[in-house]
Protein backbone atom coordinates (compact mmCIF):
# COMPACT_ATOMS: atom_id res chain seq x y z
CA UNK A 1 148.42 131.12 112.31
CA UNK A 2 145.22 129.49 110.98
CA UNK A 3 144.23 129.48 107.37
CA UNK A 4 141.13 131.27 108.24
CA UNK A 5 143.03 134.15 109.89
CA UNK A 6 144.77 135.09 106.61
CA UNK A 7 142.98 137.99 104.83
CA UNK A 8 142.96 136.29 101.51
CA UNK A 9 140.66 138.90 99.75
CA UNK A 10 142.75 141.74 100.82
CA UNK A 11 146.00 140.00 99.84
CA UNK A 12 144.74 138.80 96.39
CA UNK A 13 143.35 142.33 95.57
CA UNK A 14 146.44 144.14 96.70
CA UNK A 15 147.96 146.02 93.80
CA UNK A 16 151.42 146.70 95.40
CA UNK A 17 151.74 142.95 96.09
CA UNK A 18 150.99 142.06 92.48
CA UNK A 19 153.52 144.62 91.36
CA UNK A 20 156.14 142.80 93.46
CA UNK A 21 154.99 139.46 92.30
CA UNK A 22 155.30 140.44 88.55
CA UNK A 23 158.74 141.79 89.27
CA UNK A 24 159.72 138.47 91.05
CA UNK A 25 158.21 136.55 88.09
CA UNK A 26 159.87 138.54 85.35
CA UNK A 27 163.27 138.26 87.15
CA UNK A 28 162.79 134.43 87.47
CA UNK A 29 162.38 134.02 83.82
CA UNK A 30 165.71 135.36 82.88
CA UNK A 31 167.52 134.30 86.01
CA UNK A 32 166.63 130.64 85.59
CA UNK A 33 167.44 130.74 81.96
CA UNK A 34 170.91 131.90 82.72
CA UNK A 35 171.26 129.70 85.71
CA UNK A 36 170.45 126.57 83.73
CA UNK A 37 171.86 127.34 80.30
CA UNK A 38 174.89 129.61 80.75
CA UNK A 39 177.35 126.71 80.75
CA UNK A 40 175.68 125.51 77.47
CA UNK A 41 176.11 128.97 75.95
CA UNK A 42 179.75 129.08 77.04
CA UNK A 43 180.42 125.68 75.56
CA UNK A 44 178.49 125.92 72.35
CA UNK A 45 178.81 129.60 71.28
CA UNK A 46 181.89 130.76 73.09
CA UNK A 47 183.63 127.44 72.49
CA UNK A 48 184.86 126.97 76.10
CA UNK A 49 185.59 123.58 77.35
CA UNK A 50 183.68 123.57 80.67
CA UNK A 51 185.76 120.71 82.08
CA UNK A 52 189.07 122.57 81.47
CA UNK A 53 187.60 126.01 82.03
CA UNK A 54 185.80 125.51 85.22
CA UNK A 55 186.92 128.76 86.90
CA UNK A 56 185.78 130.92 83.88
CA UNK A 57 182.39 129.05 84.00
CA UNK A 58 182.05 129.72 87.68
CA UNK A 59 182.72 133.52 87.60
CA UNK A 60 179.20 134.55 86.79
CA UNK A 61 177.82 132.66 89.82
CA UNK A 62 180.55 134.26 91.94
CA UNK A 63 179.49 137.61 90.44
CA UNK A 64 175.83 137.19 91.49
CA UNK A 65 176.86 136.11 94.97
CA UNK A 66 178.84 139.35 95.28
CA UNK A 67 175.67 141.21 94.09
CA UNK A 68 173.57 139.55 96.76
CA UNK A 69 175.92 140.51 99.67
CA UNK A 70 176.82 143.99 98.47
CA UNK A 71 173.24 145.01 97.62
CA UNK A 72 171.91 144.07 101.10
CA UNK A 73 174.55 146.19 102.82
CA UNK A 74 174.02 149.08 100.37
CA UNK A 75 170.15 149.02 100.80
CA UNK A 76 170.51 149.13 104.63
CA UNK A 77 172.91 152.04 104.22
CA UNK A 78 170.65 154.03 101.97
CA UNK A 79 167.62 153.65 104.29
CA UNK A 80 169.46 154.26 107.46
CA UNK A 81 171.11 157.44 106.29
CA UNK A 82 167.90 158.76 104.82
CA UNK A 83 169.36 159.06 101.35
CA UNK A 84 166.24 157.37 99.91
CA UNK A 85 162.99 156.35 101.31
CA UNK A 86 162.30 152.65 101.78
CA UNK A 87 160.09 152.53 98.66
CA UNK A 88 162.62 154.25 96.44
CA UNK A 89 165.41 152.02 97.72
CA UNK A 90 163.40 149.00 96.67
CA UNK A 91 162.74 150.63 93.20
CA UNK A 92 166.39 151.52 92.94
CA UNK A 93 167.36 147.85 93.52
CA UNK A 94 164.73 146.73 91.02
CA UNK A 95 165.94 148.96 88.27
CA UNK A 96 169.66 148.05 88.93
CA UNK A 97 168.74 144.29 89.13
CA UNK A 98 166.62 144.10 85.93
CA UNK A 99 167.14 147.24 83.77
CA UNK A 100 170.90 147.22 83.71
CA UNK A 101 171.31 143.44 83.06
CA UNK A 102 168.56 143.72 80.41
CA UNK A 103 170.53 146.33 78.48
CA UNK A 104 173.85 144.29 78.89
CA UNK A 105 172.20 141.10 77.79
CA UNK A 106 170.67 142.70 74.83
CA UNK A 107 173.98 144.24 73.83
CA UNK A 108 176.08 141.08 74.19
CA UNK A 109 173.67 139.20 72.04
CA UNK A 110 174.97 141.10 69.02
CA UNK A 111 178.73 140.66 70.04
CA UNK A 112 181.09 138.13 68.43
CA UNK A 113 184.15 138.55 70.66
CA UNK A 114 184.44 136.25 73.72
CA UNK A 115 186.11 138.73 76.00
CA UNK A 116 183.48 141.53 75.96
CA UNK A 117 180.72 139.03 76.05
CA UNK A 118 182.17 137.37 79.21
CA UNK A 119 182.83 140.73 80.90
CA UNK A 120 179.29 142.07 80.21
CA UNK A 121 177.79 138.74 81.28
CA UNK A 122 179.56 138.88 84.57
CA UNK A 123 178.64 142.48 85.15
CA UNK A 124 174.96 141.66 84.39
CA UNK A 125 175.00 138.76 86.77
CA UNK A 126 176.51 140.95 89.51
CA UNK A 127 173.70 143.45 89.09
CA UNK A 128 171.13 140.58 89.00
CA UNK A 129 172.13 139.99 92.66
CA UNK A 130 170.44 143.28 93.62
CA UNK A 131 167.10 141.64 93.03
CA UNK A 132 167.08 139.91 96.36
CA UNK A 133 167.24 143.27 98.10
CA UNK A 134 164.09 144.26 96.31
CA UNK A 135 161.20 141.68 96.06
CA UNK A 136 162.16 139.35 98.92
CA UNK A 137 162.33 142.17 101.50
CA UNK A 138 159.41 143.94 99.86
CA UNK A 139 157.08 141.26 100.92
CA UNK A 140 158.14 141.83 104.52
CA UNK A 141 157.66 145.66 103.85
CA UNK A 142 154.15 145.16 102.74
CA UNK A 143 153.14 142.75 105.54
CA UNK A 144 155.59 141.49 108.10
CA UNK A 145 152.77 139.42 109.59
CA UNK A 146 151.82 137.57 106.35
CA UNK A 147 155.09 137.89 104.61
CA UNK A 148 155.46 134.11 104.32
CA UNK A 149 152.24 133.99 102.46
CA UNK A 150 153.19 136.76 100.18
CA UNK A 151 156.60 135.24 99.50
CA UNK A 152 154.93 131.92 98.74
CA UNK A 153 152.81 133.50 96.09
CA UNK A 154 155.73 135.19 94.53
CA UNK A 155 157.97 132.14 94.65
CA UNK A 156 155.34 130.04 93.14
CA UNK A 157 154.85 132.37 90.26
CA UNK A 158 158.55 132.81 89.87
CA UNK A 159 159.07 129.06 89.70
CA UNK A 160 156.50 128.71 86.92
CA UNK A 161 158.17 131.50 84.99
CA UNK A 162 161.53 129.87 85.62
CA UNK A 163 160.38 126.74 83.73
CA UNK A 164 159.73 128.70 80.68
CA UNK A 165 163.19 130.14 80.26
CA UNK A 166 165.14 126.91 79.90
CA UNK A 167 162.27 125.32 77.89
CA UNK A 168 162.34 128.26 75.46
CA UNK A 169 166.16 127.94 75.09
CA UNK A 170 165.81 124.24 74.39
CA UNK A 171 163.05 124.98 71.86
CA UNK A 172 165.34 127.37 70.01
CA UNK A 173 168.55 125.37 69.96
CA UNK A 174 167.46 121.80 69.76
CA UNK A 175 168.02 120.50 66.31
CA UNK A 176 170.48 123.29 65.31
CA UNK A 177 173.76 121.86 64.05
CA UNK A 178 176.48 122.72 66.68
CA UNK A 179 178.84 123.48 63.81
CA UNK A 180 176.53 125.98 62.36
CA UNK A 181 177.74 128.85 64.51
CA UNK A 182 175.84 131.59 62.73
CA UNK A 183 172.49 129.89 63.29
CA UNK A 184 173.36 128.98 66.80
CA UNK A 185 174.35 132.45 67.71
CA UNK A 186 171.17 133.69 66.29
CA UNK A 187 169.02 131.42 68.28
CA UNK A 188 170.89 132.40 71.48
CA UNK A 189 170.33 136.03 70.50
CA UNK A 190 166.55 135.43 70.44
CA UNK A 191 166.74 133.86 73.88
CA UNK A 192 168.72 136.75 75.34
CA UNK A 193 166.53 139.38 73.81
CA UNK A 194 163.43 137.71 75.19
CA UNK A 195 164.87 137.75 78.65
CA UNK A 196 165.88 141.44 78.23
CA UNK A 197 162.36 142.42 77.22
CA UNK A 198 160.73 140.51 80.24
CA UNK A 199 163.22 142.14 82.67
CA UNK A 200 162.46 145.56 81.19
CA UNK A 201 158.79 145.11 81.65
CA UNK A 202 159.19 143.92 85.22
CA UNK A 203 161.40 146.82 86.06
CA UNK A 204 159.16 149.35 84.44
CA UNK A 205 155.97 148.24 86.05
CA UNK A 206 157.51 148.03 89.52
CA UNK A 207 159.11 151.53 89.13
CA UNK A 208 155.49 152.85 88.45
CA UNK A 209 153.39 150.78 90.83
CA UNK A 210 155.76 149.22 93.42
CA UNK A 211 155.84 150.43 97.23
CA UNK A 212 157.27 149.42 100.47
CA UNK A 213 154.40 150.98 102.49
CA UNK A 214 152.91 148.74 105.11
CA UNK A 215 149.44 147.50 103.90
CA UNK A 216 146.43 148.32 106.16
CA UNK A 217 145.24 144.62 106.20
CA UNK A 218 148.60 143.65 108.10
CA UNK A 219 146.97 144.74 111.31
CA UNK A 220 149.71 146.65 113.07
CA UNK A 221 151.58 149.96 112.34
CA UNK A 222 155.20 149.57 111.28
CA UNK A 223 156.63 151.42 114.23
CA UNK A 224 154.89 148.99 116.64
CA UNK A 225 156.29 146.02 114.68
CA UNK A 226 159.80 147.48 114.62
CA UNK A 227 159.55 148.11 118.34
CA UNK A 228 158.46 144.46 119.09
CA UNK A 229 161.26 143.30 116.81
CA UNK A 230 163.77 145.12 118.81
CA UNK A 231 162.45 143.82 122.09
CA UNK A 232 162.56 140.21 120.83
CA UNK A 233 166.17 140.80 119.73
CA UNK A 234 167.12 142.11 123.13
CA UNK A 235 166.00 138.84 124.70
CA UNK A 236 168.75 137.01 122.85
CA UNK A 237 171.50 139.43 123.71
């Protein structure tokens, strides 16, 4: 596909696309914060020795993997059985992926006991896995023909937001005495609350403005695209 064949004006003025990009970006802020700094939180605040507690430190990443895999299967099941429309399935995944973890992250930021903090953190990471069944597939919903372009826009914006999360954590905790647990916990509390607020904003705006409807500038009706996809699949059977 040539650069000139891409309907840039239609893409860049598409409201549903920007709703998905904002969702993707908001998720990236908190996701990369946890991805990068969760071991530091477990070490400095929960006082876990990462070297001797490697399994405990790995559980949140196992949890999000389980969220990735189960949410894909669940989304397909919901759509294929007609329980929810494609649009509401995407919105359901967005709410589960951002709203629930936001509430859990906000709640655990006020806790002092390690056990409920770890449990809620792992539950939050599991539900975070539902994000991939929302915005990544939503780009293909909006425009299968130009989905790579749309995903590139979303991934680029997400990557920029993903830089700010870890940088903000570094700004908050750098210079804080590691033995001053009250101050350290307070700074992490600010970081977690910021991620919660950003996640809530992303989920709320997508629940209002997001859609999985094929956009008119894509060029072909969804039924035709699905039929062509089935024919291409049959060639490999």
